[in-house]
C-alpha atoms as a PDB file:
ATOM      1  CA  MET A   1      20.836 -77.569  34.153  1.00  0.00           C
ATOM      2  CA  LYS A   2      21.009 -76.576  30.942  1.00  0.00           C
ATOM      3  CA  MET A   3      24.930 -76.361  29.725  1.00  0.00           C
ATOM      4  CA  PRO A   4      26.037 -72.962  28.364  1.00  0.00           C
ATOM      5  CA  SER A   5      26.595 -72.917  24.929  1.00  0.00           C
ATOM      6  CA  PRO A   6      30.263 -73.310  23.141  1.00  0.00           C
ATOM      7  CA  LEU A   7      31.117 -69.585  22.554  1.00  0.00           C
ATOM      8  CA  VAL A   8      30.050 -68.828  26.376  1.00  0.00           C
ATOM      9  CA  LEU A   9      32.146 -71.523  27.455  1.00  0.00           C
ATOM     10  CA  TRP A  10      35.076 -70.002  25.003  1.00  0.00           C
ATOM     11  CA  LYS A  11      34.695 -66.813  25.949  1.00  0.00           C
ATOM     12  CA  ARG A  12      35.053 -67.925  30.084  1.00  0.00           C
ATOM     13  CA  LEU A  13      37.830 -69.698  29.523  1.00  0.00           C
ATOM     14  CA  TYR A  14      39.883 -68.153  26.631  1.00  0.00           C
ATOM     15  CA  SER A  15      40.142 -64.754  26.846  1.00  0.00           C
ATOM     16  CA  ASN A  16      42.485 -62.471  24.857  1.00  0.00           C
ATOM     17  CA  GLN A  17      44.980 -62.203  28.206  1.00  0.00           C
ATOM     18  CA  VAL A  18      45.326 -66.195  27.566  1.00  0.00           C
ATOM     19  CA  ARG A  19      45.950 -65.891  24.096  1.00  0.00           C
ATOM     20  CA  GLU A  20      48.437 -63.400  24.941  1.00  0.00           C
ATOM     21  CA  ARG A  21      50.227 -65.537  27.464  1.00  0.00           C
ATOM     22  CA  CYS A  22      50.344 -68.677  25.110  1.00  0.00           C
ATOM     23  CA  GLY A  23      52.107 -66.105  22.549  1.00  0.00           C
ATOM     24  CA  ALA A  24      50.648 -68.306  19.355  1.00  0.00           C
ATOM     25  CA  LEU A  25      47.632 -68.083  17.593  1.00  0.00           C
ATOM     26  CA  LEU A  26      44.742 -70.633  18.362  1.00  0.00           C
ATOM     27  CA  LEU A  27      42.663 -71.720  16.060  1.00  0.00           C
ATOM     28  CA  LEU A  28      39.384 -72.423  16.477  1.00  0.00           C
ATOM     29  CA  TYR A  29      37.366 -75.441  15.114  1.00  0.00           C
ATOM     30  CA  ALA A  30      33.378 -75.273  14.998  1.00  0.00           C
ATOM     31  CA  ILE A  31      32.519 -79.268  14.399  1.00  0.00           C
ATOM     32  CA  ALA A  32      28.982 -80.368  13.605  1.00  0.00           C
ATOM     33  CA  ARG A  33      28.003 -84.041  13.263  1.00  0.00           C
ATOM     34  CA  TRP A  34      24.788 -85.382  12.171  1.00  0.00           C
ATOM     35  CA  LYS A  35      23.263 -88.635  10.471  1.00  0.00           C
ATOM     36  CA  VAL A  36      21.406 -89.161   7.603  1.00  0.00           C
ATOM     37  CA  SER A  37      19.167 -92.210   6.641  1.00  0.00           C
ATOM     38  CA  LYS A  38      20.496 -94.251   3.378  1.00  0.00           C
ATOM     39  CA  ALA A  39      17.261 -93.304   2.025  1.00  0.00           C
ATOM     40  CA  ASN A  40      17.514 -89.313   2.101  1.00  0.00           C
ATOM     41  CA  ALA A  41      21.663 -89.658   1.223  1.00  0.00           C
ATOM     42  CA  LYS A  42      21.576 -88.878  -2.573  1.00  0.00           C
ATOM     43  CA  LYS A  43      19.431 -85.943  -1.962  1.00  0.00           C
ATOM     44  CA  HIS A  44      21.465 -84.821   1.171  1.00  0.00           C
ATOM     45  CA  LEU A  45      24.509 -84.847  -0.983  1.00  0.00           C
ATOM     46  CA  GLU A  46      23.137 -83.076  -3.879  1.00  0.00           C
ATOM     47  CA  MET A  47      21.939 -80.382  -1.005  1.00  0.00           C
ATOM     48  CA  LEU A  48      25.746 -80.066   0.382  1.00  0.00           C
ATOM     49  CA  CYS A  49      27.174 -79.599  -3.114  1.00  0.00           C
ATOM     50  CA  LYS A  50      24.755 -76.513  -3.348  1.00  0.00           C
ATOM     51  CA  VAL A  51      26.218 -75.162   0.317  1.00  0.00           C
ATOM     52  CA  SER A  52      29.286 -75.635  -0.767  1.00  0.00           C
ATOM     53  CA  GLU A  53      28.822 -73.904  -4.542  1.00  0.00           C
ATOM     54  CA  TRP A  54      26.872 -71.134  -2.375  1.00  0.00           C
ATOM     55  CA  VAL A  55      30.157 -70.523  -0.001  1.00  0.00           C
ATOM     56  CA  LYS A  56      32.778 -70.604  -2.850  1.00  0.00           C
ATOM     57  CA  GLN A  57      30.404 -68.008  -4.728  1.00  0.00           C
ATOM     58  CA  ASN A  58      30.019 -65.713  -1.809  1.00  0.00           C
ATOM     59  CA  ARG A  59      33.404 -66.948   0.122  1.00  0.00           C
ATOM     60  CA  LYS A  60      33.744 -63.150   1.611  1.00  0.00           C
ATOM     61  CA  LYS A  61      30.797 -63.921   3.766  1.00  0.00           C
ATOM     62  CA  CYS A  62      32.065 -66.494   5.709  1.00  0.00           C
ATOM     63  CA  TYR A  63      34.669 -66.031   8.262  1.00  0.00           C
ATOM     64  CA  PHE A  64      36.068 -69.429   8.407  1.00  0.00           C
ATOM     65  CA  GLU A  65      39.713 -70.315   6.877  1.00  0.00           C
ATOM     66  CA  HIS A  66      38.657 -73.794   5.452  1.00  0.00           C
ATOM     67  CA  SER A  67      35.865 -76.278   5.898  1.00  0.00           C
ATOM     68  CA  THR A  68      35.579 -79.507   5.451  1.00  0.00           C
ATOM     69  CA  TYR A  69      32.647 -82.058   5.336  1.00  0.00           C
ATOM     70  CA  CYS A  70      33.750 -86.027   6.348  1.00  0.00           C
ATOM     71  CA  LEU A  71      31.906 -88.963   5.870  1.00  0.00           C
ATOM     72  CA  LEU A  72      31.802 -91.939   8.908  1.00  0.00           C
ATOM     73  CA  LYS A  73      33.378 -94.793   7.663  1.00  0.00           C
ATOM     74  CA  THR A  74      30.791 -97.153   8.768  1.00  0.00           C
ATOM     75  CA  GLU A  75      29.659-100.639   8.463  1.00  0.00           C
ATOM     76  CA  ASP A  76      25.819 -99.668   9.410  1.00  0.00           C
ATOM     77  CA  PRO A  77      23.800 -99.975   6.058  1.00  0.00           C
ATOM     78  CA  SER A  78      21.257 -97.930   6.863  1.00  0.00           C
ATOM     79  CA  ILE A  79      23.002 -94.090   8.449  1.00  0.00           C
ATOM     80  CA  GLU A  80      25.595 -92.160   7.195  1.00  0.00           C
ATOM     81  CA  THR A  81      27.157 -90.207   9.507  1.00  0.00           C
ATOM     82  CA  TRP A  82      28.559 -86.924   8.827  1.00  0.00           C
ATOM     83  CA  MET A  83      30.636 -84.397  10.594  1.00  0.00           C
ATOM     84  CA  ASN A  84      31.979 -80.650   9.060  1.00  0.00           C
ATOM     85  CA  ILE A  85      34.597 -78.644  10.515  1.00  0.00           C
ATOM     86  CA  ASP A  86      35.378 -74.935   9.759  1.00  0.00           C
ATOM     87  CA  GLU A  87      38.432 -73.752  10.745  1.00  0.00           C
ATOM     88  CA  TYR A  88      38.622 -70.002  12.056  1.00  0.00           C
ATOM     89  CA  LYS A  89      42.217 -68.255  12.299  1.00  0.00           C
ATOM     90  CA  ASP A  90      41.192 -66.748  15.626  1.00  0.00           C
ATOM     91  CA  GLN A  91      38.160 -66.297  17.969  1.00  0.00           C
ATOM     92  CA  GLU A  92      37.504 -62.991  16.786  1.00  0.00           C
ATOM     93  CA  SER A  93      36.575 -64.347  13.327  1.00  0.00           C
ATOM     94  CA  TYR A  94      34.516 -66.939  14.704  1.00  0.00           C
ATOM     95  CA  GLU A  95      32.465 -64.278  16.690  1.00  0.00           C
ATOM     96  CA  GLU A  96      31.878 -61.980  13.470  1.00  0.00           C
ATOM     97  CA  PHE A  97      30.515 -65.152  11.902  1.00  0.00           C
ATOM     98  CA  THR A  98      28.442 -65.607  14.047  1.00  0.00           C
ATOM     99  CA  LYS A  99      26.900 -62.201  14.645  1.00  0.00           C
ATOM    100  CA  THR A 100      26.212 -61.713  11.058  1.00  0.00           C
ATOM    101  CA  PHE A 101      25.338 -65.215  10.223  1.00  0.00           C
ATOM    102  CA  GLN A 102      21.510 -64.532  11.290  1.00  0.00           C
ATOM    103  CA  LYS A 103      18.389 -65.076   9.465  1.00  0.00           C
ATOM    104  CA  SER A 104      17.858 -61.519   9.875  1.00  0.00           C
ATOM    105  CA  ASN A 105      20.282 -60.865   7.571  1.00  0.00           C
ATOM    106  CA  PRO A 106      19.583 -60.939   3.721  1.00  0.00           C
ATOM    107  CA  ASP A 107      23.133 -61.716   2.855  1.00  0.00           C
ATOM    108  CA  TYR A 108      22.555 -65.227   3.910  1.00  0.00           C
ATOM    109  CA  ALA A 109      18.889 -65.595   2.778  1.00  0.00           C
ATOM    110  CA  GLY A 110      20.206 -67.851  -0.218  1.00  0.00           C
ATOM    111  CA  LEU A 111      22.258 -70.311   2.251  1.00  0.00           C
ATOM    112  CA  PHE A 112      19.621 -70.541   4.858  1.00  0.00           C
ATOM    113  CA  LYS A 113      16.722 -71.230   2.164  1.00  0.00           C
ATOM    114  CA  ILE A 114      19.534 -74.486   1.167  1.00  0.00           C
ATOM    115  CA  GLU A 115      20.188 -75.295   4.604  1.00  0.00           C
ATOM    116  CA  GLU A 116      16.452 -75.370   5.531  1.00  0.00           C
ATOM    117  CA  LYS A 117      16.163 -78.272   3.065  1.00  0.00           C
ATOM    118  CA  VAL A 118      19.425 -79.928   4.266  1.00  0.00           C
ATOM    119  CA  LEU A 119      18.067 -80.091   7.912  1.00  0.00           C
ATOM    120  CA  SER A 120      14.984 -81.614   6.529  1.00  0.00           C
ATOM    121  CA  LEU A 121      16.456 -84.374   5.449  1.00  0.00           C
ATOM    122  CA  LEU A 122      18.417 -85.518   8.953  1.00  0.00           C
ATOM    123  CA  VAL A 123      17.875 -87.831  11.266  1.00  0.00           C
ATOM    124  CA  PRO A 124      15.522 -86.418  14.120  1.00  0.00           C
ATOM    125  CA  ASN A 125      17.714 -84.699  17.206  1.00  0.00           C
ATOM    126  CA  SER A 126      21.004 -85.876  15.419  1.00  0.00           C
ATOM    127  CA  LEU A 127      22.765 -82.797  14.827  1.00  0.00           C
ATOM    128  CA  THR A 128      25.501 -81.577  17.488  1.00  0.00           C
ATOM    129  CA  ARG A 129      27.501 -78.754  17.435  1.00  0.00           C
ATOM    130  CA  GLU A 130      31.147 -78.369  19.362  1.00  0.00           C
ATOM    131  CA  VAL A 131      33.482 -75.299  19.172  1.00  0.00           C
ATOM    132  CA  TYR A 132      37.369 -76.079  19.758  1.00  0.00           C
ATOM    133  CA  ILE A 133      40.361 -74.437  20.097  1.00  0.00           C
ATOM    134  CA  GLU A 134      43.753 -76.296  19.379  1.00  0.00           C
ATOM    135  CA  LYS A 135      46.660 -76.247  21.452  1.00  0.00           C
ATOM    136  CA  PRO A 136      49.787 -74.689  20.075  1.00  0.00           C
ATOM    137  CA  GLU A 137      52.075 -76.694  22.505  1.00  0.00           C
ATOM    138  CA  LEU A 138      50.726 -80.032  20.498  1.00  0.00           C
ATOM    139  CA  ARG A 139      50.631 -78.744  17.255  1.00  0.00           C
ATOM    140  CA  ILE A 140      52.673 -81.119  14.795  1.00  0.00           C
ATOM    141  CA  ALA A 141      53.985 -79.182  11.435  1.00  0.00           C
END
């Protein structure tokens, strides 16, 4: 049985009424994880730098508030495990980005070209994507 996409689950569980009842803004986190062989590590890092440059130059086309790339601290000498966290201020921002971030949209052609190169460097089937919302009552500021 195929699991619904994270966005479908998000819509089912966290409607605007839930947000209003909470009385707080719920941050949304889009998290991707993937693996890269050490043989591809240098080229992979170069491509991630190009992604980062594109985003910096086209900031208004990206709806997230913050984006962070992390490298898992590991003892495995043959693989690097990466994670990217994009933080959105709310569900609407995330949905707006997912609507506009399409291969058919020429505004993102440059980014898609770079991302194709990034994807070609990944360990096959290692890319996973998930969407989380914060629990504001547990926030520590």
